[in-house]
Amino acid sequence: MKGLENAIRNLNSLDRQMVPRASIWAVNRVAQKAVSVATRKVARETVAGDNQVRGLPLKLVRQRVRLFKAGTDGKRSARIRINRGNLPAIKLGAAQVRMSKRRGKLLYRGSVLKIGPYLFRDAFIQQLANGRWHVMRRVNGKNRYPIDVVKIPLSGPLTQAFESATQSLIDKEIPKQLGYALKQQLRLYLSQ
C-alpha cells in the first residue's frame, strides 16, 4: 500500500482532478459489478411456483434495481436502490389455465395455472379494481377477503445477496479498480 500512497501523492502534484476522477471511476465500476453479481445470484437461486422451479428471468430481477452513479459534482459515492417487494406471479409471462387430467401430487383434480415453467394450483386470473390483472388464489384463514395475489417473495434473497456482494467486492475489487483507474488517468494526462 506504500507504493499506492506514493503514486497518489505524485498524481496530486500533476493534476488536482486526476485522483478524484479515478476514485469515482473505480466506485462506479465496483457498484455496477455488485449489481450484476447480486441480481444474477438472486435470479439463479430463487424458487417459484408450486412445482418448485428454480430460477427467475434475470430481466425481472434487474428491473427492481437502480444504480445512482458517483459523479464529479461532489457526490463521491454510488447508491443502489432496490425494490425489495414481492414479485407478482403475473410478471413471469403469459398465463394459461389448464384442467388437470393426470394423477400425481401436484396435478390432481381441478385446474392448474401455468406461467412458463411455473405451475400454480387453484389459481386464477382476475382484473382488480385498479385495472391491473393479477394471478389470485383462495387463502384459508383470511376472513373478510379470502383471496390474495400470488407473489414470489424476493425481500430476503435480494437483501442477503446485495449485502454479501457489496462487502466482498468492496474488500477485493476497490484496490484493484483504483489502481487501474489511476493508471488510466495518468495515461490520459500524459497523452495530452
N, C-alpha and C. Protein backbone atom coordinates (compact mmCIF):
# COMPACT_ATOMS: atom_id res chain seq x y z
N MET A 1 0.82 -1.20 0.00
CA MET A 1 0.00 0.00 0.00
C MET A 1 0.86 1.26 0.00
N LYS A 2 2.15 1.13 0.43
CA LYS A 2 3.00 2.30 0.49
C LYS A 2 3.24 2.86 -0.91
N GLY A 3 3.40 1.96 -1.88
CA GLY A 3 3.60 2.38 -3.26
C GLY A 3 2.39 3.11 -3.82
N LEU A 4 1.21 2.65 -3.41
CA LEU A 4 -0.03 3.27 -3.87
C LEU A 4 -0.16 4.69 -3.32
N GLU A 5 0.19 4.87 -2.03
CA GLU A 5 0.13 6.21 -1.43
C GLU A 5 1.14 7.15 -2.10
N ASN A 6 2.31 6.61 -2.42
CA ASN A 6 3.33 7.38 -3.12
C ASN A 6 2.83 7.81 -4.49
N ALA A 7 2.18 6.87 -5.20
CA ALA A 7 1.64 7.17 -6.53
C ALA A 7 0.56 8.23 -6.44
N ILE A 8 -0.29 8.16 -5.42
CA ILE A 8 -1.35 9.15 -5.25
C ILE A 8 -0.75 10.53 -5.00
N ARG A 9 0.31 10.60 -4.17
CA ARG A 9 0.96 11.88 -3.90
C ARG A 9 1.55 12.47 -5.19
N ASN A 10 2.18 11.61 -5.99
CA ASN A 10 2.76 12.08 -7.26
C ASN A 10 1.68 12.55 -8.22
N LEU A 11 0.56 11.83 -8.26
CA LEU A 11 -0.54 12.21 -9.16
C LEU A 11 -1.17 13.52 -8.72
N ASN A 12 -1.25 13.75 -7.42
CA ASN A 12 -1.81 15.02 -6.93
C ASN A 12 -0.98 16.20 -7.40
N SER A 13 0.30 15.99 -7.52
CA SER A 13 1.15 17.09 -7.99
C SER A 13 0.94 17.35 -9.48
N LEU A 14 0.49 16.34 -10.24
CA LEU A 14 0.26 16.51 -11.68
C LEU A 14 -1.03 17.27 -11.97
N ASP A 15 -2.14 16.75 -11.48
CA ASP A 15 -3.44 17.36 -11.78
C ASP A 15 -4.34 17.17 -10.57
N ARG A 16 -5.02 18.25 -10.19
CA ARG A 16 -5.84 18.21 -8.99
C ARG A 16 -7.05 17.29 -9.14
N GLN A 17 -7.58 17.15 -10.34
CA GLN A 17 -8.80 16.36 -10.56
C GLN A 17 -8.54 14.89 -10.89
N MET A 18 -7.28 14.52 -11.04
CA MET A 18 -6.96 13.17 -11.51
C MET A 18 -7.37 12.09 -10.51
N VAL A 19 -7.01 12.25 -9.26
CA VAL A 19 -7.32 11.22 -8.24
C VAL A 19 -8.83 11.16 -7.96
N PRO A 20 -9.53 12.30 -7.81
CA PRO A 20 -10.98 12.19 -7.63
C PRO A 20 -11.68 11.50 -8.80
N ARG A 21 -11.25 11.81 -10.04
CA ARG A 21 -11.85 11.14 -11.20
C ARG A 21 -11.60 9.65 -11.16
N ALA A 22 -10.39 9.27 -10.80
CA ALA A 22 -10.05 7.85 -10.73
C ALA A 22 -10.86 7.14 -9.65
N SER A 23 -11.02 7.79 -8.50
CA SER A 23 -11.78 7.14 -7.42
C SER A 23 -13.26 7.01 -7.80
N ILE A 24 -13.81 8.01 -8.47
CA ILE A 24 -15.21 7.94 -8.92
C ILE A 24 -15.37 6.81 -9.94
N TRP A 25 -14.43 6.71 -10.86
CA TRP A 25 -14.47 5.65 -11.87
C TRP A 25 -14.45 4.28 -11.21
N ALA A 26 -13.57 4.12 -10.21
CA ALA A 26 -13.45 2.83 -9.51
C ALA A 26 -14.72 2.51 -8.73
N VAL A 27 -15.28 3.50 -8.04
CA VAL A 27 -16.50 3.28 -7.26
C VAL A 27 -17.65 2.86 -8.17
N ASN A 28 -17.79 3.53 -9.31
CA ASN A 28 -18.88 3.18 -10.23
C ASN A 28 -18.71 1.78 -10.81
N ARG A 29 -17.47 1.40 -11.13
CA ARG A 29 -17.23 0.06 -11.66
C ARG A 29 -17.59 -1.01 -10.64
N VAL A 30 -17.19 -0.79 -9.39
CA VAL A 30 -17.47 -1.78 -8.33
C VAL A 30 -18.97 -1.84 -8.05
N ALA A 31 -19.65 -0.70 -8.05
CA ALA A 31 -21.10 -0.70 -7.81
C ALA A 31 -21.83 -1.45 -8.92
N GLN A 32 -21.40 -1.22 -10.16
CA GLN A 32 -22.04 -1.92 -11.28
C GLN A 32 -21.81 -3.42 -11.20
N LYS A 33 -20.62 -3.81 -10.79
CA LYS A 33 -20.31 -5.24 -10.65
C LYS A 33 -21.12 -5.84 -9.51
N ALA A 34 -21.32 -5.10 -8.42
CA ALA A 34 -22.13 -5.60 -7.30
C ALA A 34 -23.56 -5.85 -7.74
N VAL A 35 -24.12 -4.92 -8.52
CA VAL A 35 -25.49 -5.09 -9.03
C VAL A 35 -25.57 -6.33 -9.91
N SER A 36 -24.60 -6.49 -10.78
CA SER A 36 -24.60 -7.63 -11.70
C SER A 36 -24.50 -8.95 -10.95
N VAL A 37 -23.56 -9.05 -10.02
CA VAL A 37 -23.35 -10.29 -9.27
C VAL A 37 -24.58 -10.64 -8.44
N ALA A 38 -25.12 -9.66 -7.72
CA ALA A 38 -26.25 -9.93 -6.83
C ALA A 38 -27.52 -10.29 -7.60
N THR A 39 -27.81 -9.58 -8.69
CA THR A 39 -29.03 -9.89 -9.45
C THR A 39 -28.94 -11.27 -10.09
N ARG A 40 -27.77 -11.63 -10.61
CA ARG A 40 -27.61 -12.97 -11.19
C ARG A 40 -27.80 -14.05 -10.14
N LYS A 41 -27.27 -13.81 -8.95
CA LYS A 41 -27.40 -14.81 -7.88
C LYS A 41 -28.86 -15.00 -7.49
N VAL A 42 -29.58 -13.90 -7.32
CA VAL A 42 -31.00 -13.98 -6.93
C VAL A 42 -31.81 -14.65 -8.03
N ALA A 43 -31.56 -14.27 -9.28
CA ALA A 43 -32.31 -14.86 -10.40
C ALA A 43 -32.05 -16.36 -10.51
N ARG A 44 -30.84 -16.77 -10.23
CA ARG A 44 -30.48 -18.19 -10.36
C ARG A 44 -31.03 -19.03 -9.21
N GLU A 45 -31.08 -18.47 -7.99
CA GLU A 45 -31.38 -19.29 -6.82
C GLU A 45 -32.81 -19.19 -6.31
N THR A 46 -33.61 -18.26 -6.79
CA THR A 46 -34.98 -18.11 -6.31
C THR A 46 -35.85 -19.27 -6.80
N VAL A 47 -36.69 -19.78 -5.90
CA VAL A 47 -37.60 -20.88 -6.23
C VAL A 47 -39.00 -20.30 -6.33
N ALA A 48 -39.72 -20.64 -7.42
CA ALA A 48 -41.06 -20.08 -7.64
C ALA A 48 -42.02 -21.17 -8.08
N GLY A 49 -43.29 -20.95 -7.80
CA GLY A 49 -44.34 -21.87 -8.26
C GLY A 49 -44.54 -23.04 -7.31
N ASP A 50 -45.70 -23.70 -7.47
CA ASP A 50 -46.00 -24.86 -6.64
C ASP A 50 -45.14 -26.06 -7.04
N ASN A 51 -44.61 -26.05 -8.26
CA ASN A 51 -43.75 -27.15 -8.68
C ASN A 51 -42.28 -26.88 -8.36
N GLN A 52 -41.99 -25.82 -7.57
CA GLN A 52 -40.66 -25.51 -7.05
C GLN A 52 -39.60 -25.39 -8.14
N VAL A 53 -39.89 -24.63 -9.19
CA VAL A 53 -38.92 -24.41 -10.26
C VAL A 53 -37.88 -23.41 -9.77
N ARG A 54 -36.62 -23.76 -9.96
CA ARG A 54 -35.52 -22.90 -9.52
C ARG A 54 -35.17 -21.92 -10.63
N GLY A 55 -35.09 -20.64 -10.30
CA GLY A 55 -34.65 -19.63 -11.26
C GLY A 55 -35.78 -18.74 -11.75
N LEU A 56 -35.45 -17.46 -11.88
CA LEU A 56 -36.37 -16.45 -12.43
C LEU A 56 -35.69 -15.81 -13.64
N PRO A 57 -36.45 -15.20 -14.54
CA PRO A 57 -35.81 -14.44 -15.61
C PRO A 57 -34.98 -13.29 -15.03
N LEU A 58 -33.75 -13.17 -15.49
CA LEU A 58 -32.83 -12.15 -14.97
C LEU A 58 -33.38 -10.75 -15.17
N LYS A 59 -34.09 -10.54 -16.27
CA LYS A 59 -34.65 -9.22 -16.58
C LYS A 59 -35.59 -8.74 -15.48
N LEU A 60 -36.38 -9.66 -14.90
CA LEU A 60 -37.33 -9.27 -13.85
C LEU A 60 -36.61 -8.82 -12.58
N VAL A 61 -35.49 -9.45 -12.28
CA VAL A 61 -34.74 -9.06 -11.07
C VAL A 61 -34.00 -7.76 -11.33
N ARG A 62 -33.43 -7.60 -12.53
CA ARG A 62 -32.70 -6.38 -12.86
C ARG A 62 -33.59 -5.15 -12.84
N GLN A 63 -34.86 -5.30 -13.22
CA GLN A 63 -35.78 -4.17 -13.23
C GLN A 63 -36.01 -3.61 -11.84
N ARG A 64 -35.74 -4.40 -10.82
CA ARG A 64 -36.00 -3.99 -9.45
C ARG A 64 -34.83 -3.25 -8.82
N VAL A 65 -33.74 -3.09 -9.56
CA VAL A 65 -32.53 -2.47 -9.02
C VAL A 65 -32.19 -1.23 -9.84
N ARG A 66 -31.86 -0.16 -9.15
CA ARG A 66 -31.46 1.08 -9.83
C ARG A 66 -30.16 1.56 -9.22
N LEU A 67 -29.21 1.89 -10.08
CA LEU A 67 -27.89 2.35 -9.64
C LEU A 67 -27.77 3.84 -9.91
N PHE A 68 -27.46 4.59 -8.86
CA PHE A 68 -27.17 6.02 -8.98
C PHE A 68 -25.66 6.17 -8.87
N LYS A 69 -25.03 6.54 -9.97
CA LYS A 69 -23.57 6.55 -10.01
C LYS A 69 -22.99 7.76 -9.30
N ALA A 70 -21.73 7.61 -8.87
CA ALA A 70 -20.99 8.72 -8.29
C ALA A 70 -20.61 9.67 -9.42
N GLY A 71 -20.49 10.94 -9.09
CA GLY A 71 -20.16 11.93 -10.11
C GLY A 71 -19.14 12.93 -9.61
N THR A 72 -18.67 13.77 -10.51
CA THR A 72 -17.67 14.77 -10.14
C THR A 72 -18.30 16.00 -9.50
N ASP A 73 -19.63 16.01 -9.37
CA ASP A 73 -20.33 17.18 -8.83
C ASP A 73 -20.37 17.18 -7.30
N GLY A 74 -19.48 16.44 -6.66
CA GLY A 74 -19.43 16.42 -5.20
C GLY A 74 -19.99 15.15 -4.60
N LYS A 75 -20.79 14.42 -5.36
CA LYS A 75 -21.37 13.16 -4.86
C LYS A 75 -20.38 12.05 -5.20
N ARG A 76 -19.57 11.66 -4.24
CA ARG A 76 -18.48 10.72 -4.50
C ARG A 76 -18.83 9.27 -4.18
N SER A 77 -20.09 9.01 -3.87
CA SER A 77 -20.47 7.62 -3.57
C SER A 77 -21.60 7.20 -4.51
N ALA A 78 -21.60 5.92 -4.84
CA ALA A 78 -22.67 5.37 -5.68
C ALA A 78 -23.75 4.82 -4.76
N ARG A 79 -25.01 4.96 -5.18
CA ARG A 79 -26.13 4.44 -4.39
C ARG A 79 -26.86 3.39 -5.20
N ILE A 80 -27.25 2.31 -4.53
CA ILE A 80 -28.03 1.26 -5.18
C ILE A 80 -29.38 1.23 -4.50
N ARG A 81 -30.44 1.48 -5.28
CA ARG A 81 -31.80 1.43 -4.74
C ARG A 81 -32.45 0.14 -5.23
N ILE A 82 -33.02 -0.62 -4.29
CA ILE A 82 -33.59 -1.93 -4.62
C ILE A 82 -35.05 -1.96 -4.22
N ASN A 83 -35.91 -2.39 -5.15
CA ASN A 83 -37.31 -2.65 -4.83
C ASN A 83 -37.37 -4.07 -4.28
N ARG A 84 -37.52 -4.18 -2.95
CA ARG A 84 -37.48 -5.49 -2.32
C ARG A 84 -38.87 -6.08 -2.12
N GLY A 85 -39.88 -5.49 -2.73
CA GLY A 85 -41.23 -6.02 -2.61
C GLY A 85 -41.38 -7.36 -3.30
N ASN A 86 -42.46 -8.05 -2.98
CA ASN A 86 -42.71 -9.35 -3.58
C ASN A 86 -43.03 -9.19 -5.07
N LEU A 87 -42.61 -10.17 -5.86
CA LEU A 87 -42.83 -10.15 -7.31
C LEU A 87 -44.15 -10.82 -7.64
N PRO A 88 -45.11 -10.10 -8.24
CA PRO A 88 -46.39 -10.73 -8.61
C PRO A 88 -46.16 -11.81 -9.67
N ALA A 89 -46.88 -12.91 -9.56
CA ALA A 89 -46.69 -14.05 -10.47
C ALA A 89 -47.05 -13.70 -11.91
N ILE A 90 -47.92 -12.71 -12.12
CA ILE A 90 -48.34 -12.35 -13.48
C ILE A 90 -47.15 -11.84 -14.30
N LYS A 91 -46.11 -11.32 -13.62
CA LYS A 91 -44.93 -10.78 -14.30
C LYS A 91 -44.08 -11.86 -14.95
N LEU A 92 -44.30 -13.12 -14.57
CA LEU A 92 -43.47 -14.22 -15.08
C LEU A 92 -43.72 -14.53 -16.55
N GLY A 93 -44.84 -14.07 -17.09
CA GLY A 93 -45.12 -14.31 -18.51
C GLY A 93 -46.59 -14.52 -18.77
N ALA A 94 -46.90 -15.05 -19.96
CA ALA A 94 -48.29 -15.30 -20.35
C ALA A 94 -48.83 -16.50 -19.57
N ALA A 95 -50.04 -16.35 -19.05
CA ALA A 95 -50.63 -17.40 -18.20
C ALA A 95 -51.64 -18.23 -18.98
N GLN A 96 -51.73 -19.52 -18.64
CA GLN A 96 -52.71 -20.42 -19.23
C GLN A 96 -53.35 -21.23 -18.11
N VAL A 97 -54.67 -21.32 -18.12
CA VAL A 97 -55.36 -22.17 -17.15
C VAL A 97 -55.60 -23.51 -17.82
N ARG A 98 -55.19 -24.58 -17.15
CA ARG A 98 -55.34 -25.92 -17.71
C ARG A 98 -56.11 -26.79 -16.74
N MET A 99 -57.01 -27.59 -17.30
CA MET A 99 -57.69 -28.59 -16.48
C MET A 99 -56.77 -29.79 -16.37
N SER A 100 -56.62 -30.29 -15.17
CA SER A 100 -55.70 -31.39 -14.96
C SER A 100 -56.41 -32.72 -15.16
N LYS A 101 -55.86 -33.57 -16.00
CA LYS A 101 -56.42 -34.91 -16.21
C LYS A 101 -55.49 -35.96 -15.65
N ARG A 102 -54.29 -35.56 -15.30
CA ARG A 102 -53.30 -36.52 -14.82
C ARG A 102 -53.40 -36.73 -13.33
N ARG A 103 -52.85 -37.81 -12.89
CA ARG A 103 -52.74 -38.10 -11.46
C ARG A 103 -51.38 -37.61 -10.97
N GLY A 104 -51.27 -37.49 -9.71
CA GLY A 104 -50.00 -37.08 -9.13
C GLY A 104 -50.25 -36.09 -8.01
N LYS A 105 -49.21 -35.84 -7.23
CA LYS A 105 -49.36 -34.98 -6.06
C LYS A 105 -49.71 -33.55 -6.45
N LEU A 106 -49.07 -33.04 -7.50
CA LEU A 106 -49.27 -31.64 -7.88
C LEU A 106 -50.45 -31.47 -8.83
N LEU A 107 -50.65 -32.42 -9.71
CA LEU A 107 -51.62 -32.24 -10.79
C LEU A 107 -52.93 -32.97 -10.55
N TYR A 108 -53.26 -33.30 -9.32
CA TYR A 108 -54.52 -33.99 -9.07
C TYR A 108 -55.68 -33.04 -9.32
N ARG A 109 -56.86 -33.53 -9.63
CA ARG A 109 -58.13 -32.84 -9.89
C ARG A 109 -58.04 -31.31 -9.91
N GLY A 110 -58.96 -30.72 -10.63
CA GLY A 110 -59.07 -29.26 -10.65
C GLY A 110 -58.18 -28.63 -11.70
N SER A 111 -58.02 -27.32 -11.58
CA SER A 111 -57.27 -26.59 -12.60
C SER A 111 -55.89 -26.20 -12.09
N VAL A 112 -55.00 -26.02 -13.02
CA VAL A 112 -53.64 -25.58 -12.73
C VAL A 112 -53.35 -24.39 -13.62
N LEU A 113 -52.83 -23.32 -13.04
CA LEU A 113 -52.44 -22.15 -13.83
C LEU A 113 -50.96 -22.31 -14.16
N LYS A 114 -50.65 -22.22 -15.43
CA LYS A 114 -49.26 -22.40 -15.87
C LYS A 114 -48.76 -21.10 -16.47
N ILE A 115 -47.64 -20.62 -15.94
CA ILE A 115 -46.98 -19.42 -16.46
C ILE A 115 -45.55 -19.82 -16.77
N GLY A 116 -45.26 -20.03 -18.04
CA GLY A 116 -43.94 -20.54 -18.43
C GLY A 116 -43.73 -21.90 -17.80
N PRO A 117 -42.61 -22.12 -17.13
CA PRO A 117 -42.38 -23.42 -16.48
C PRO A 117 -43.01 -23.52 -15.08
N TYR A 118 -43.62 -22.45 -14.60
CA TYR A 118 -44.13 -22.40 -13.23
C TYR A 118 -45.60 -22.82 -13.19
N LEU A 119 -45.96 -23.65 -12.21
CA LEU A 119 -47.34 -24.10 -12.02
C LEU A 119 -47.87 -23.54 -10.71
N PHE A 120 -49.14 -23.11 -10.73
CA PHE A 120 -49.81 -22.61 -9.53
C PHE A 120 -51.15 -23.32 -9.41
N ARG A 121 -51.34 -24.13 -8.37
CA ARG A 121 -52.57 -24.87 -8.16
C ARG A 121 -53.68 -23.96 -7.67
N ASP A 122 -54.89 -24.19 -8.14
CA ASP A 122 -56.08 -23.47 -7.70
C ASP A 122 -55.92 -21.95 -7.82
N ALA A 123 -55.19 -21.50 -8.81
CA ALA A 123 -55.01 -20.06 -9.04
C ALA A 123 -55.83 -19.65 -10.26
N PHE A 124 -56.17 -18.38 -10.32
CA PHE A 124 -56.95 -17.86 -11.44
C PHE A 124 -56.52 -16.43 -11.72
N ILE A 125 -56.87 -15.94 -12.91
CA ILE A 125 -56.51 -14.58 -13.30
C ILE A 125 -57.73 -13.69 -13.15
N GLN A 126 -57.53 -12.51 -12.58
CA GLN A 126 -58.65 -11.61 -12.35
C GLN A 126 -58.18 -10.17 -12.49
N GLN A 127 -59.07 -9.31 -13.00
CA GLN A 127 -58.76 -7.89 -13.08
C GLN A 127 -59.20 -7.23 -11.78
N LEU A 128 -58.29 -6.49 -11.16
CA LEU A 128 -58.59 -5.84 -9.88
C LEU A 128 -59.27 -4.50 -10.12
N ALA A 129 -59.69 -3.86 -9.03
CA ALA A 129 -60.40 -2.59 -9.12
C ALA A 129 -59.53 -1.49 -9.72
N ASN A 130 -58.20 -1.59 -9.53
CA ASN A 130 -57.32 -0.56 -10.09
C ASN A 130 -57.02 -0.78 -11.57
N GLY A 131 -57.59 -1.82 -12.18
CA GLY A 131 -57.43 -2.06 -13.61
C GLY A 131 -56.33 -3.04 -13.96
N ARG A 132 -55.53 -3.44 -12.99
CA ARG A 132 -54.44 -4.37 -13.27
C ARG A 132 -54.93 -5.81 -13.21
N TRP A 133 -54.31 -6.65 -14.02
CA TRP A 133 -54.60 -8.07 -14.00
C TRP A 133 -53.59 -8.75 -13.09
N HIS A 134 -54.09 -9.69 -12.27
CA HIS A 134 -53.19 -10.42 -11.37
C HIS A 134 -53.61 -11.87 -11.27
N VAL A 135 -52.66 -12.68 -10.84
CA VAL A 135 -52.93 -14.09 -10.53
C VAL A 135 -53.38 -14.13 -9.08
N MET A 136 -54.58 -14.67 -8.85
CA MET A 136 -55.15 -14.71 -7.50
C MET A 136 -55.28 -16.17 -7.05
N ARG A 137 -55.40 -16.34 -5.72
CA ARG A 137 -55.57 -17.67 -5.15
C ARG A 137 -56.40 -17.56 -3.87
N ARG A 138 -57.23 -18.55 -3.64
CA ARG A 138 -58.00 -18.58 -2.40
C ARG A 138 -57.08 -18.89 -1.24
N VAL A 139 -57.27 -18.17 -0.14
CA VAL A 139 -56.39 -18.31 1.02
C VAL A 139 -57.23 -18.71 2.22
N ASN A 140 -56.85 -19.77 2.89
CA ASN A 140 -57.54 -20.18 4.11
C ASN A 140 -57.09 -19.29 5.26
N GLY A 141 -58.03 -18.94 6.13
CA GLY A 141 -57.68 -18.17 7.31
C GLY A 141 -57.90 -16.68 7.16
N LYS A 142 -58.14 -16.19 5.95
CA LYS A 142 -58.46 -14.77 5.79
C LYS A 142 -59.98 -14.67 5.79
N ASN A 143 -60.54 -13.99 6.76
CA ASN A 143 -61.98 -13.99 6.94
C ASN A 143 -62.71 -13.11 5.93
N ARG A 144 -62.31 -11.86 5.85
CA ARG A 144 -63.11 -10.93 5.06
C ARG A 144 -62.87 -11.08 3.56
N TYR A 145 -61.60 -11.12 3.14
CA TYR A 145 -61.26 -11.28 1.72
C TYR A 145 -60.45 -12.55 1.56
N PRO A 146 -61.10 -13.66 1.25
CA PRO A 146 -60.37 -14.94 1.24
C PRO A 146 -59.57 -15.21 -0.03
N ILE A 147 -59.27 -14.17 -0.83
CA ILE A 147 -58.38 -14.37 -1.97
C ILE A 147 -57.22 -13.40 -1.85
N ASP A 148 -56.09 -13.79 -2.44
CA ASP A 148 -54.89 -12.96 -2.35
C ASP A 148 -54.10 -13.09 -3.64
N VAL A 149 -53.28 -12.08 -3.94
CA VAL A 149 -52.43 -12.10 -5.13
C VAL A 149 -51.31 -13.11 -4.90
N VAL A 150 -51.02 -13.91 -5.93
CA VAL A 150 -49.92 -14.87 -5.84
C VAL A 150 -48.62 -14.11 -6.08
N LYS A 151 -47.70 -14.18 -5.11
CA LYS A 151 -46.45 -13.43 -5.18
C LYS A 151 -45.26 -14.34 -4.91
N ILE A 152 -44.11 -13.94 -5.41
CA ILE A 152 -42.86 -14.64 -5.15
C ILE A 152 -42.05 -13.75 -4.21
N PRO A 153 -41.75 -14.23 -2.99
CA PRO A 153 -41.01 -13.38 -2.04
C PRO A 153 -39.57 -13.16 -2.48
N LEU A 154 -39.18 -11.89 -2.59
CA LEU A 154 -37.82 -11.56 -3.00
C LEU A 154 -37.07 -10.72 -1.97
N SER A 155 -37.73 -10.31 -0.91
CA SER A 155 -37.11 -9.42 0.06
C SER A 155 -35.86 -10.03 0.69
N GLY A 156 -36.00 -11.23 1.21
CA GLY A 156 -34.87 -11.90 1.86
C GLY A 156 -33.72 -12.18 0.91
N PRO A 157 -33.99 -12.85 -0.23
CA PRO A 157 -32.89 -13.15 -1.16
C PRO A 157 -32.18 -11.90 -1.69
N LEU A 158 -32.94 -10.83 -2.01
CA LEU A 158 -32.30 -9.62 -2.52
C LEU A 158 -31.41 -8.97 -1.46
N THR A 159 -31.92 -8.87 -0.24
CA THR A 159 -31.14 -8.25 0.84
C THR A 159 -29.86 -9.02 1.09
N GLN A 160 -29.99 -10.32 1.23
CA GLN A 160 -28.83 -11.16 1.52
C GLN A 160 -27.81 -11.11 0.39
N ALA A 161 -28.27 -11.20 -0.85
CA ALA A 161 -27.36 -11.21 -2.00
C ALA A 161 -26.61 -9.88 -2.11
N PHE A 162 -27.32 -8.76 -1.93
CA PHE A 162 -26.66 -7.46 -2.08
C PHE A 162 -25.70 -7.17 -0.94
N GLU A 163 -26.05 -7.57 0.28
CA GLU A 163 -25.14 -7.34 1.40
C GLU A 163 -23.85 -8.13 1.23
N SER A 164 -23.98 -9.40 0.86
CA SER A 164 -22.77 -10.22 0.70
C SER A 164 -21.95 -9.76 -0.51
N ALA A 165 -22.62 -9.41 -1.61
CA ALA A 165 -21.90 -8.99 -2.82
C ALA A 165 -21.16 -7.67 -2.59
N THR A 166 -21.81 -6.71 -1.95
CA THR A 166 -21.16 -5.41 -1.76
C THR A 166 -19.95 -5.53 -0.83
N GLN A 167 -20.10 -6.27 0.26
CA GLN A 167 -18.98 -6.39 1.19
C GLN A 167 -17.78 -7.08 0.55
N SER A 168 -18.04 -8.20 -0.13
CA SER A 168 -16.91 -8.93 -0.73
C SER A 168 -16.26 -8.13 -1.85
N LEU A 169 -17.07 -7.43 -2.66
CA LEU A 169 -16.49 -6.66 -3.77
C LEU A 169 -15.76 -5.41 -3.28
N ILE A 170 -16.24 -4.79 -2.21
CA ILE A 170 -15.54 -3.62 -1.68
C ILE A 170 -14.16 -4.04 -1.19
N ASP A 171 -14.10 -5.19 -0.50
CA ASP A 171 -12.81 -5.65 0.03
C ASP A 171 -11.84 -6.06 -1.09
N LYS A 172 -12.35 -6.75 -2.11
CA LYS A 172 -11.47 -7.30 -3.15
C LYS A 172 -11.24 -6.34 -4.31
N GLU A 173 -12.30 -5.71 -4.79
CA GLU A 173 -12.23 -5.00 -6.08
C GLU A 173 -11.79 -3.54 -5.99
N ILE A 174 -12.11 -2.85 -4.91
CA ILE A 174 -11.79 -1.41 -4.86
C ILE A 174 -10.30 -1.13 -5.05
N PRO A 175 -9.39 -1.81 -4.33
CA PRO A 175 -7.96 -1.51 -4.57
C PRO A 175 -7.54 -1.80 -6.01
N LYS A 176 -8.03 -2.91 -6.56
CA LYS A 176 -7.66 -3.28 -7.93
C LYS A 176 -8.19 -2.25 -8.93
N GLN A 177 -9.47 -1.89 -8.81
CA GLN A 177 -10.07 -0.93 -9.74
C GLN A 177 -9.45 0.46 -9.58
N LEU A 178 -9.10 0.81 -8.35
CA LEU A 178 -8.47 2.12 -8.11
C LEU A 178 -7.10 2.17 -8.79
N GLY A 179 -6.36 1.07 -8.72
CA GLY A 179 -5.07 1.01 -9.41
C GLY A 179 -5.23 1.16 -10.91
N TYR A 180 -6.20 0.45 -11.49
CA TYR A 180 -6.46 0.57 -12.93
C TYR A 180 -6.85 2.00 -13.30
N ALA A 181 -7.71 2.60 -12.48
CA ALA A 181 -8.21 3.94 -12.78
C ALA A 181 -7.08 4.97 -12.70
N LEU A 182 -6.20 4.83 -11.70
CA LEU A 182 -5.09 5.77 -11.58
C LEU A 182 -4.15 5.66 -12.78
N LYS A 183 -3.88 4.42 -13.21
CA LYS A 183 -3.03 4.24 -14.40
C LYS A 183 -3.67 4.87 -15.63
N GLN A 184 -4.97 4.68 -15.77
CA GLN A 184 -5.68 5.23 -16.93
C GLN A 184 -5.67 6.76 -16.90
N GLN A 185 -5.89 7.35 -15.72
CA GLN A 185 -5.88 8.81 -15.61
C GLN A 185 -4.49 9.36 -15.93
N LEU A 186 -3.45 8.66 -15.47
CA LEU A 186 -2.09 9.09 -15.77
C LEU A 186 -1.82 9.00 -17.27
N ARG A 187 -2.29 7.91 -17.90
CA ARG A 187 -2.12 7.73 -19.34
C ARG A 187 -2.82 8.85 -20.11
N LEU A 188 -4.04 9.19 -19.67
CA LEU A 188 -4.78 10.27 -20.33
C LEU A 188 -4.07 11.62 -20.16
N TYR A 189 -3.54 11.85 -18.96
CA TYR A 189 -2.87 13.13 -18.68
C TYR A 189 -1.60 13.27 -19.51
N LEU A 190 -0.85 12.16 -19.63
CA LEU A 190 0.41 12.21 -20.37
C LEU A 190 0.20 12.29 -21.88
N SER A 191 -0.96 11.81 -22.36
CA SER A 191 -1.22 11.85 -23.81
C SER A 191 -1.70 13.22 -24.28
N GLN A 192 -2.01 14.13 -23.35
CA GLN A 192 -2.49 15.47 -23.74
C GLN A 192 -1.37 16.32 -24.29
